[in-house]
Each structure stands twice: as structure tokens, then as C-alpha cells.
Amino acid sequence: MNEIATLKKIIGFIREISGDDAYERYLAHWHEHHAEQEGEPQTRAAFFKAQQEQKWNGVKRCC
């Protein structure tokens, strides 16, 4: 394996564990499971906004 391929694998792994590739994973899932039933997938901005709202809305503490 050459250095560029190794570097791409490392970068891909870092993106995966950090969640940076979440939109790409969402698109792959959407095309595989929802493309025939629904119109269009969310835009990157709409996806990011929905993820932020899900993460930060509501009570997130124990006390």
C-alpha cells in the first residue's frame, strides 16, 4: 500500500470516530432505505441543524 492510500485510510478512520462523516453516512443510509418512499434527503445544513437540536434540546442532566 502506498503512503497516499494509507493516509486516506487514516483520515477516513479519524472522520468516522469523530463523527465528521455523519452526513455522508446519513446519505448512504437514506439512499439505501428511504429513496423510494421519500422525496429528497435533508441538505447538509438541515441535517446539521437537526443533529444540534437533538443533541442540545431538552433536559440533559440528572438533577
N, C-alpha and C. Protein backbone atom coordinates (compact mmCIF):
# COMPACT_ATOMS: atom_id res chain seq x y z
N MET A 1 0.85 -1.19 0.00
CA MET A 1 0.00 0.00 0.00
C MET A 1 0.89 1.24 0.00
N ASN A 2 0.54 2.22 -0.82
CA ASN A 2 1.39 3.40 -0.86
C ASN A 2 1.01 4.39 0.25
N GLU A 3 1.81 5.40 0.42
CA GLU A 3 1.61 6.35 1.52
C GLU A 3 0.31 7.13 1.40
N ILE A 4 -0.07 7.49 0.19
CA ILE A 4 -1.30 8.27 0.00
C ILE A 4 -2.52 7.44 0.38
N ALA A 5 -2.55 6.19 -0.01
CA ALA A 5 -3.67 5.31 0.35
C ALA A 5 -3.73 5.12 1.86
N THR A 6 -2.57 4.95 2.49
CA THR A 6 -2.53 4.80 3.94
C THR A 6 -3.03 6.06 4.62
N LEU A 7 -2.61 7.21 4.13
CA LEU A 7 -3.05 8.49 4.71
C LEU A 7 -4.56 8.67 4.55
N LYS A 8 -5.11 8.30 3.39
CA LYS A 8 -6.55 8.39 3.19
C LYS A 8 -7.31 7.49 4.15
N LYS A 9 -6.79 6.30 4.41
CA LYS A 9 -7.43 5.39 5.37
C LYS A 9 -7.39 5.97 6.78
N ILE A 10 -6.28 6.55 7.15
CA ILE A 10 -6.16 7.16 8.48
C ILE A 10 -7.12 8.32 8.62
N ILE A 11 -7.18 9.18 7.62
CA ILE A 11 -8.10 10.32 7.66
C ILE A 11 -9.54 9.85 7.71
N GLY A 12 -9.87 8.83 6.93
CA GLY A 12 -11.22 8.27 6.95
C GLY A 12 -11.58 7.72 8.33
N PHE A 13 -10.64 7.04 8.96
CA PHE A 13 -10.87 6.49 10.29
C PHE A 13 -11.09 7.60 11.30
N ILE A 14 -10.29 8.65 11.25
CA ILE A 14 -10.44 9.78 12.16
C ILE A 14 -11.79 10.45 11.96
N ARG A 15 -12.22 10.63 10.69
CA ARG A 15 -13.53 11.23 10.41
C ARG A 15 -14.65 10.36 10.96
N GLU A 16 -14.48 9.04 10.87
CA GLU A 16 -15.51 8.12 11.35
C GLU A 16 -15.65 8.18 12.87
N ILE A 17 -14.54 8.11 13.59
CA ILE A 17 -14.64 8.10 15.05
C ILE A 17 -15.00 9.46 15.63
N SER A 18 -14.73 10.53 14.90
CA SER A 18 -15.07 11.87 15.39
C SER A 18 -16.50 12.28 15.01
N GLY A 19 -17.13 11.52 14.10
CA GLY A 19 -18.49 11.87 13.67
C GLY A 19 -18.52 12.86 12.53
N ASP A 20 -17.36 13.19 12.00
CA ASP A 20 -17.29 14.18 10.93
C ASP A 20 -17.91 13.66 9.63
N ASP A 21 -18.02 12.35 9.49
CA ASP A 21 -18.61 11.78 8.28
C ASP A 21 -20.09 11.43 8.46
N ALA A 22 -20.74 12.00 9.46
CA ALA A 22 -22.13 11.66 9.77
C ALA A 22 -23.07 11.95 8.59
N TYR A 23 -22.87 13.06 7.91
CA TYR A 23 -23.76 13.40 6.79
C TYR A 23 -23.58 12.41 5.64
N GLU A 24 -22.36 12.02 5.36
CA GLU A 24 -22.13 11.04 4.30
C GLU A 24 -22.75 9.69 4.66
N ARG A 25 -22.65 9.29 5.94
CA ARG A 25 -23.29 8.05 6.38
C ARG A 25 -24.81 8.16 6.30
N TYR A 26 -25.35 9.33 6.66
CA TYR A 26 -26.80 9.57 6.54
C TYR A 26 -27.25 9.43 5.09
N LEU A 27 -26.51 10.03 4.16
CA LEU A 27 -26.89 9.95 2.74
C LEU A 27 -26.85 8.50 2.24
N ALA A 28 -25.82 7.76 2.62
CA ALA A 28 -25.73 6.36 2.20
C ALA A 28 -26.93 5.57 2.74
N HIS A 29 -27.27 5.78 4.00
CA HIS A 29 -28.42 5.09 4.60
C HIS A 29 -29.71 5.52 3.90
N TRP A 30 -29.86 6.81 3.68
CA TRP A 30 -31.09 7.32 3.06
C TRP A 30 -31.28 6.72 1.67
N HIS A 31 -30.24 6.70 0.87
CA HIS A 31 -30.35 6.15 -0.48
C HIS A 31 -30.64 4.65 -0.46
N GLU A 32 -30.12 3.96 0.54
CA GLU A 32 -30.34 2.52 0.61
C GLU A 32 -31.73 2.16 1.12
N HIS A 33 -32.26 2.95 2.07
CA HIS A 33 -33.50 2.57 2.73
C HIS A 33 -34.71 3.47 2.47
N HIS A 34 -34.51 4.71 2.07
CA HIS A 34 -35.62 5.65 2.01
C HIS A 34 -35.84 6.31 0.66
N ALA A 35 -35.00 6.10 -0.29
CA ALA A 35 -35.05 6.82 -1.56
C ALA A 35 -36.36 6.61 -2.30
N GLU A 36 -36.92 5.42 -2.23
CA GLU A 36 -38.15 5.15 -2.97
C GLU A 36 -39.39 5.70 -2.28
N GLN A 37 -39.36 5.84 -0.95
CA GLN A 37 -40.55 6.29 -0.23
C GLN A 37 -40.61 7.80 -0.06
N GLU A 38 -39.50 8.46 0.01
CA GLU A 38 -39.46 9.88 0.31
C GLU A 38 -38.92 10.65 -0.89
N GLY A 39 -39.11 11.99 -0.86
CA GLY A 39 -38.67 12.82 -1.96
C GLY A 39 -37.17 13.01 -2.03
N GLU A 40 -36.65 13.84 -1.18
CA GLU A 40 -35.23 14.21 -1.20
C GLU A 40 -34.65 14.09 0.20
N PRO A 41 -33.37 13.76 0.32
CA PRO A 41 -32.74 13.74 1.65
C PRO A 41 -32.54 15.17 2.15
N GLN A 42 -32.28 15.29 3.44
CA GLN A 42 -32.01 16.61 4.01
C GLN A 42 -30.74 17.19 3.41
N THR A 43 -30.69 18.50 3.35
CA THR A 43 -29.46 19.16 2.94
C THR A 43 -28.45 19.03 4.08
N ARG A 44 -27.20 19.30 3.78
CA ARG A 44 -26.17 19.24 4.82
C ARG A 44 -26.49 20.21 5.97
N ALA A 45 -26.95 21.41 5.63
CA ALA A 45 -27.29 22.40 6.66
C ALA A 45 -28.47 21.93 7.51
N ALA A 46 -29.51 21.39 6.88
CA ALA A 46 -30.67 20.91 7.62
C ALA A 46 -30.30 19.72 8.51
N PHE A 47 -29.46 18.83 7.99
CA PHE A 47 -29.00 17.69 8.77
C PHE A 47 -28.23 18.16 10.00
N PHE A 48 -27.31 19.09 9.80
CA PHE A 48 -26.51 19.60 10.92
C PHE A 48 -27.40 20.26 11.96
N LYS A 49 -28.36 21.07 11.51
CA LYS A 49 -29.27 21.75 12.43
C LYS A 49 -30.09 20.73 13.23
N ALA A 50 -30.61 19.70 12.57
CA ALA A 50 -31.39 18.68 13.26
C ALA A 50 -30.53 17.93 14.29
N GLN A 51 -29.29 17.64 13.94
CA GLN A 51 -28.39 16.96 14.87
C GLN A 51 -28.11 17.83 16.09
N GLN A 52 -27.91 19.12 15.88
CA GLN A 52 -27.64 20.02 17.00
C GLN A 52 -28.86 20.17 17.90
N GLU A 53 -30.04 20.27 17.30
CA GLU A 53 -31.26 20.37 18.09
C GLU A 53 -31.49 19.11 18.91
N GLN A 54 -31.26 17.95 18.30
CA GLN A 54 -31.43 16.69 19.01
C GLN A 54 -30.45 16.58 20.17
N LYS A 55 -29.25 17.05 19.95
CA LYS A 55 -28.21 16.96 20.98
C LYS A 55 -28.45 17.91 22.14
N TRP A 56 -28.92 19.13 21.86
CA TRP A 56 -28.95 20.16 22.89
C TRP A 56 -30.32 20.52 23.42
N ASN A 57 -31.41 20.10 22.79
CA ASN A 57 -32.75 20.43 23.30
C ASN A 57 -33.17 19.44 24.36
N GLY A 58 -33.92 19.96 25.33
CA GLY A 58 -34.42 19.09 26.40
C GLY A 58 -33.47 19.05 27.58
N VAL A 59 -33.94 18.46 28.64
CA VAL A 59 -33.15 18.35 29.86
C VAL A 59 -32.11 17.26 29.65
N LYS A 60 -30.86 17.59 29.89
CA LYS A 60 -29.76 16.65 29.70
C LYS A 60 -28.96 16.45 30.99
N ARG A 61 -29.60 16.62 32.10
CA ARG A 61 -28.87 16.46 33.35
C ARG A 61 -29.68 15.61 34.32
N CYS A 62 -29.07 15.17 35.34
CA CYS A 62 -29.75 14.26 36.28
C CYS A 62 -30.47 15.00 37.39
N CYS A 63 -30.09 16.21 37.72
CA CYS A 63 -30.68 16.91 38.87
C CYS A 63 -31.41 18.18 38.47
